[in-house]
Amino acid sequence: MPGEFIKVKCEGCKNEQVIFSNPSSEVNCLVCGKVLAKNTGGRAEIQGKVLKSI
């Protein structure tokens, strides 16, 4: 199943950021640096709140 882009809200600073659902590496918030998604080899383990699929 192909990946998609999702909007995630950081639980630390409330920044909203668009990320890929199947990242090849850890994704950090661009504002505070908190981890938003961890690579699992497939679908990411999302650490923030998913707002919507884009």
PDB file of N, CA and C in Angstrom:
ATOM      1  N   MET A   1       0.849  -1.183   0.000  1.00  0.00           N
ATOM      2  CA  MET A   1       0.000   0.000   0.000  1.00  0.00           C
ATOM      3  C   MET A   1       0.895   1.246   0.000  1.00  0.00           C
ATOM      4  N   PRO A   2       0.670   2.156  -0.920  1.00  0.00           N
ATOM      5  CA  PRO A   2       1.498   3.352  -0.992  1.00  0.00           C
ATOM      6  C   PRO A   2       1.230   4.294   0.184  1.00  0.00           C
ATOM      7  N   GLY A   3       2.204   5.136   0.463  1.00  0.00           N
ATOM      8  CA  GLY A   3       2.062   6.096   1.552  1.00  0.00           C
ATOM      9  C   GLY A   3       1.239   7.297   1.121  1.00  0.00           C
ATOM     10  N   GLU A   4       0.948   8.138   2.082  1.00  0.00           N
ATOM     11  CA  GLU A   4       0.200   9.364   1.829  1.00  0.00           C
ATOM     12  C   GLU A   4       0.760  10.449   2.736  1.00  0.00           C
ATOM     13  N   PHE A   5       0.374  11.665   2.481  1.00  0.00           N
ATOM     14  CA  PHE A   5       0.797  12.764   3.330  1.00  0.00           C
ATOM     15  C   PHE A   5      -0.281  13.021   4.369  1.00  0.00           C
ATOM     16  N   ILE A   6       0.143  13.297   5.598  1.00  0.00           N
ATOM     17  CA  ILE A   6      -0.784  13.554   6.688  1.00  0.00           C
ATOM     18  C   ILE A   6      -0.352  14.811   7.438  1.00  0.00           C
ATOM     19  N   LYS A   7      -1.331  15.529   7.982  1.00  0.00           N
ATOM     20  CA  LYS A   7      -1.042  16.705   8.801  1.00  0.00           C
ATOM     21  C   LYS A   7      -1.081  16.264  10.256  1.00  0.00           C
ATOM     22  N   VAL A   8       0.008  16.564  10.974  1.00  0.00           N
ATOM     23  CA  VAL A   8       0.167  16.149  12.368  1.00  0.00           C
ATOM     24  C   VAL A   8       0.384  17.386  13.228  1.00  0.00           C
ATOM     25  N   LYS A   9      -0.243  17.395  14.399  1.00  0.00           N
ATOM     26  CA  LYS A   9      -0.078  18.503  15.341  1.00  0.00           C
ATOM     27  C   LYS A   9       0.870  18.061  16.447  1.00  0.00           C
ATOM     28  N   CYS A  10       1.927  18.833  16.660  1.00  0.00           N
ATOM     29  CA  CYS A  10       2.906  18.545  17.702  1.00  0.00           C
ATOM     30  C   CYS A  10       2.249  18.750  19.066  1.00  0.00           C
ATOM     31  N   GLU A  11       2.425  17.785  19.955  1.00  0.00           N
ATOM     32  CA  GLU A  11       1.829  17.907  21.285  1.00  0.00           C
ATOM     33  C   GLU A  11       2.654  18.802  22.197  1.00  0.00           C
ATOM     34  N   GLY A  12       3.878  19.135  21.791  1.00  0.00           N
ATOM     35  CA  GLY A  12       4.723  20.010  22.598  1.00  0.00           C
ATOM     36  C   GLY A  12       4.416  21.480  22.364  1.00  0.00           C
ATOM     37  N   CYS A  13       4.503  21.918  21.095  1.00  0.00           N
ATOM     38  CA  CYS A  13       4.355  23.349  20.796  1.00  0.00           C
ATOM     39  C   CYS A  13       3.098  23.673  19.970  1.00  0.00           C
ATOM     40  N   LYS A  14       2.310  22.672  19.629  1.00  0.00           N
ATOM     41  CA  LYS A  14       1.056  22.827  18.866  1.00  0.00           C
ATOM     42  C   LYS A  14       1.280  23.221  17.401  1.00  0.00           C
ATOM     43  N   ASN A  15       2.516  23.092  16.904  1.00  0.00           N
ATOM     44  CA  ASN A  15       2.804  23.340  15.496  1.00  0.00           C
ATOM     45  C   ASN A  15       2.133  22.268  14.642  1.00  0.00           C
ATOM     46  N   GLU A  16       1.566  22.671  13.505  1.00  0.00           N
ATOM     47  CA  GLU A  16       0.969  21.731  12.565  1.00  0.00           C
ATOM     48  C   GLU A  16       1.931  21.547  11.406  1.00  0.00           C
ATOM     49  N   GLN A  17       2.220  20.283  11.076  1.00  0.00           N
ATOM     50  CA  GLN A  17       3.228  19.972  10.074  1.00  0.00           C
ATOM     51  C   GLN A  17       2.743  18.829   9.191  1.00  0.00           C
ATOM     52  N   VAL A  18       3.028  18.904   7.898  1.00  0.00           N
ATOM     53  CA  VAL A  18       2.680  17.846   6.952  1.00  0.00           C
ATOM     54  C   VAL A  18       3.867  16.897   6.849  1.00  0.00           C
ATOM     55  N   ILE A  19       3.596  15.596   7.055  1.00  0.00           N
ATOM     56  CA  ILE A  19       4.646  14.583   6.975  1.00  0.00           C
ATOM     57  C   ILE A  19       4.167  13.431   6.100  1.00  0.00           C
ATOM     58  N   PHE A  20       5.105  12.582   5.671  1.00  0.00           N
ATOM     59  CA  PHE A  20       4.782  11.394   4.884  1.00  0.00           C
ATOM     60  C   PHE A  20       4.451  10.267   5.849  1.00  0.00           C
ATOM     61  N   SER A  21       3.454   9.463   5.521  1.00  0.00           N
ATOM     62  CA  SER A  21       3.002   8.405   6.427  1.00  0.00           C
ATOM     63  C   SER A  21       3.981   7.242   6.530  1.00  0.00           C
ATOM     64  N   ASN A  22       4.878   7.089   5.547  1.00  0.00           N
ATOM     65  CA  ASN A  22       5.864   6.016   5.560  1.00  0.00           C
ATOM     66  C   ASN A  22       7.274   6.599   5.483  1.00  0.00           C
ATOM     67  N   PRO A  23       7.722   7.302   6.516  1.00  0.00           N
ATOM     68  CA  PRO A  23       9.037   7.949   6.445  1.00  0.00           C
ATOM     69  C   PRO A  23      10.175   6.934   6.523  1.00  0.00           C
ATOM     70  N   SER A  24      11.303   7.260   5.916  1.00  0.00           N
ATOM     71  CA  SER A  24      12.463   6.375   5.968  1.00  0.00           C
ATOM     72  C   SER A  24      13.345   6.677   7.178  1.00  0.00           C
ATOM     73  N   SER A  25      13.044   7.755   7.884  1.00  0.00           N
ATOM     74  CA  SER A  25      13.779   8.106   9.099  1.00  0.00           C
ATOM     75  C   SER A  25      12.835   8.817  10.063  1.00  0.00           C
ATOM     76  N   GLU A  26      13.322   9.088  11.265  1.00  0.00           N
ATOM     77  CA  GLU A  26      12.539   9.777  12.284  1.00  0.00           C
ATOM     78  C   GLU A  26      12.203  11.193  11.812  1.00  0.00           C
ATOM     79  N   VAL A  27      10.980  11.641  12.079  1.00  0.00           N
ATOM     80  CA  VAL A  27      10.548  12.988  11.682  1.00  0.00           C
ATOM     81  C   VAL A  27      10.373  13.824  12.946  1.00  0.00           C
ATOM     82  N   ASN A  28      11.050  14.995  12.983  1.00  0.00           N
ATOM     83  CA  ASN A  28      10.979  15.888  14.136  1.00  0.00           C
ATOM     84  C   ASN A  28      10.186  17.138  13.803  1.00  0.00           C
ATOM     85  N   CYS A  29       9.598  17.743  14.831  1.00  0.00           N
ATOM     86  CA  CYS A  29       8.904  19.017  14.687  1.00  0.00           C
ATOM     87  C   CYS A  29       9.910  20.075  14.269  1.00  0.00           C
ATOM     88  N   LEU A  30       9.556  20.896  13.297  1.00  0.00           N
ATOM     89  CA  LEU A  30      10.457  21.938  12.813  1.00  0.00           C
ATOM     90  C   LEU A  30      10.598  23.095  13.793  1.00  0.00           C
ATOM     91  N   VAL A  31       9.668  23.223  14.749  1.00  0.00           N
ATOM     92  CA  VAL A  31       9.712  24.327  15.707  1.00  0.00           C
ATOM     93  C   VAL A  31      10.447  23.924  16.993  1.00  0.00           C
ATOM     94  N   CYS A  32      10.007  22.856  17.640  1.00  0.00           N
ATOM     95  CA  CYS A  32      10.589  22.502  18.936  1.00  0.00           C
ATOM     96  C   CYS A  32      11.499  21.279  18.905  1.00  0.00           C
ATOM     97  N   GLY A  33      11.499  20.521  17.814  1.00  0.00           N
ATOM     98  CA  GLY A  33      12.381  19.370  17.686  1.00  0.00           C
ATOM     99  C   GLY A  33      11.857  18.070  18.250  1.00  0.00           C
ATOM    100  N   LYS A  34      10.646  18.075  18.820  1.00  0.00           N
ATOM    101  CA  LYS A  34      10.069  16.856  19.376  1.00  0.00           C
ATOM    102  C   LYS A  34       9.786  15.850  18.254  1.00  0.00           C
ATOM    103  N   VAL A  35       9.906  14.562  18.540  1.00  0.00           N
ATOM    104  CA  VAL A  35       9.664  13.518  17.544  1.00  0.00           C
ATOM    105  C   VAL A  35       8.175  13.458  17.205  1.00  0.00           C
ATOM    106  N   LEU A  36       7.847  13.569  15.906  1.00  0.00           N
ATOM    107  CA  LEU A  36       6.463  13.471  15.448  1.00  0.00           C
ATOM    108  C   LEU A  36       6.128  12.083  14.931  1.00  0.00           C
ATOM    109  N   ALA A  37       7.113  11.419  14.319  1.00  0.00           N
ATOM    110  CA  ALA A  37       6.882  10.095  13.756  1.00  0.00           C
ATOM    111  C   ALA A  37       8.162   9.280  13.805  1.00  0.00           C
ATOM    112  N   LYS A  38       8.019   7.998  14.135  1.00  0.00           N
ATOM    113  CA  LYS A  38       9.157   7.079  14.173  1.00  0.00           C
ATOM    114  C   LYS A  38       9.018   6.080  13.034  1.00  0.00           C
ATOM    115  N   ASN A  39      10.126   5.791  12.370  1.00  0.00           N
ATOM    116  CA  ASN A  39      10.153   4.818  11.289  1.00  0.00           C
ATOM    117  C   ASN A  39       9.970   3.416  11.869  1.00  0.00           C
ATOM    118  N   THR A  40       9.074   2.634  11.263  1.00  0.00           N
ATOM    119  CA  THR A  40       8.854   1.258  11.707  1.00  0.00           C
ATOM    120  C   THR A  40       9.112   0.266  10.584  1.00  0.00           C
ATOM    121  N   GLY A  41       9.572   0.739   9.438  1.00  0.00           N
ATOM    122  CA  GLY A  41       9.771  -0.128   8.287  1.00  0.00           C
ATOM    123  C   GLY A  41       8.558  -0.145   7.373  1.00  0.00           C
ATOM    124  N   GLY A  42       7.513   0.516   7.755  1.00  0.00           N
ATOM    125  CA  GLY A  42       6.269   0.627   6.985  1.00  0.00           C
ATOM    126  C   GLY A  42       5.576   1.898   7.415  1.00  0.00           C
ATOM    127  N   ARG A  43       4.333   1.767   7.881  1.00  0.00           N
ATOM    128  CA  ARG A  43       3.614   2.920   8.408  1.00  0.00           C
ATOM    129  C   ARG A  43       4.341   3.460   9.627  1.00  0.00           C
ATOM    130  N   ALA A  44       4.383   4.783   9.749  1.00  0.00           N
ATOM    131  CA  ALA A  44       5.071   5.412  10.873  1.00  0.00           C
ATOM    132  C   ALA A  44       4.276   5.264  12.158  1.00  0.00           C
ATOM    133  N   GLU A  45       4.994   5.267  13.265  1.00  0.00           N
ATOM    134  CA  GLU A  45       4.371   5.344  14.580  1.00  0.00           C
ATOM    135  C   GLU A  45       4.262   6.829  14.893  1.00  0.00           C
ATOM    136  N   ILE A  46       3.053   7.381  14.812  1.00  0.00           N
ATOM    137  CA  ILE A  46       2.824   8.818  14.980  1.00  0.00           C
ATOM    138  C   ILE A  46       2.816   9.170  16.457  1.00  0.00           C
ATOM    139  N   GLN A  47       3.599  10.185  16.833  1.00  0.00           N
ATOM    140  CA  GLN A  47       3.712  10.621  18.218  1.00  0.00           C
ATOM    141  C   GLN A  47       2.820  11.827  18.519  1.00  0.00           C
ATOM    142  N   GLY A  48       2.379  12.544  17.485  1.00  0.00           N
ATOM    143  CA  GLY A  48       1.513  13.709  17.662  1.00  0.00           C
ATOM    144  C   GLY A  48       0.073  13.339  17.355  1.00  0.00           C
ATOM    145  N   LYS A  49      -0.766  14.350  17.183  1.00  0.00           N
ATOM    146  CA  LYS A  49      -2.179  14.141  16.870  1.00  0.00           C
ATOM    147  C   LYS A  49      -2.374  14.272  15.354  1.00  0.00           C
ATOM    148  N   VAL A  50      -2.935  13.224  14.730  1.00  0.00           N
ATOM    149  CA  VAL A  50      -3.203  13.268  13.287  1.00  0.00           C
ATOM    150  C   VAL A  50      -4.439  14.127  13.057  1.00  0.00           C
ATOM    151  N   LEU A  51      -4.301  15.168  12.233  1.00  0.00           N
ATOM    152  CA  LEU A  51      -5.413  16.080  11.952  1.00  0.00           C
ATOM    153  C   LEU A  51      -6.187  15.651  10.711  1.00  0.00           C
ATOM    154  N   LYS A  52      -5.456  15.303   9.617  1.00  0.00           N
ATOM    155  CA  LYS A  52      -6.148  14.843   8.408  1.00  0.00           C
ATOM    156  C   LYS A  52      -5.156  14.296   7.407  1.00  0.00           C
ATOM    157  N   SER A  53      -5.670  13.494   6.474  1.00  0.00           N
ATOM    158  CA  SER A  53      -4.882  12.999   5.348  1.00  0.00           C
ATOM    159  C   SER A  53      -4.996  14.016   4.236  1.00  0.00           C
ATOM    160  N   ILE A  54      -3.919  14.202   3.501  1.00  0.00           N
ATOM    161  CA  ILE A  54      -3.917  15.183   2.417  1.00  0.00           C
ATOM    162  C   ILE A  54      -3.785  14.462   1.095  1.00  0.00           C
TER     163      ILE A  54
END
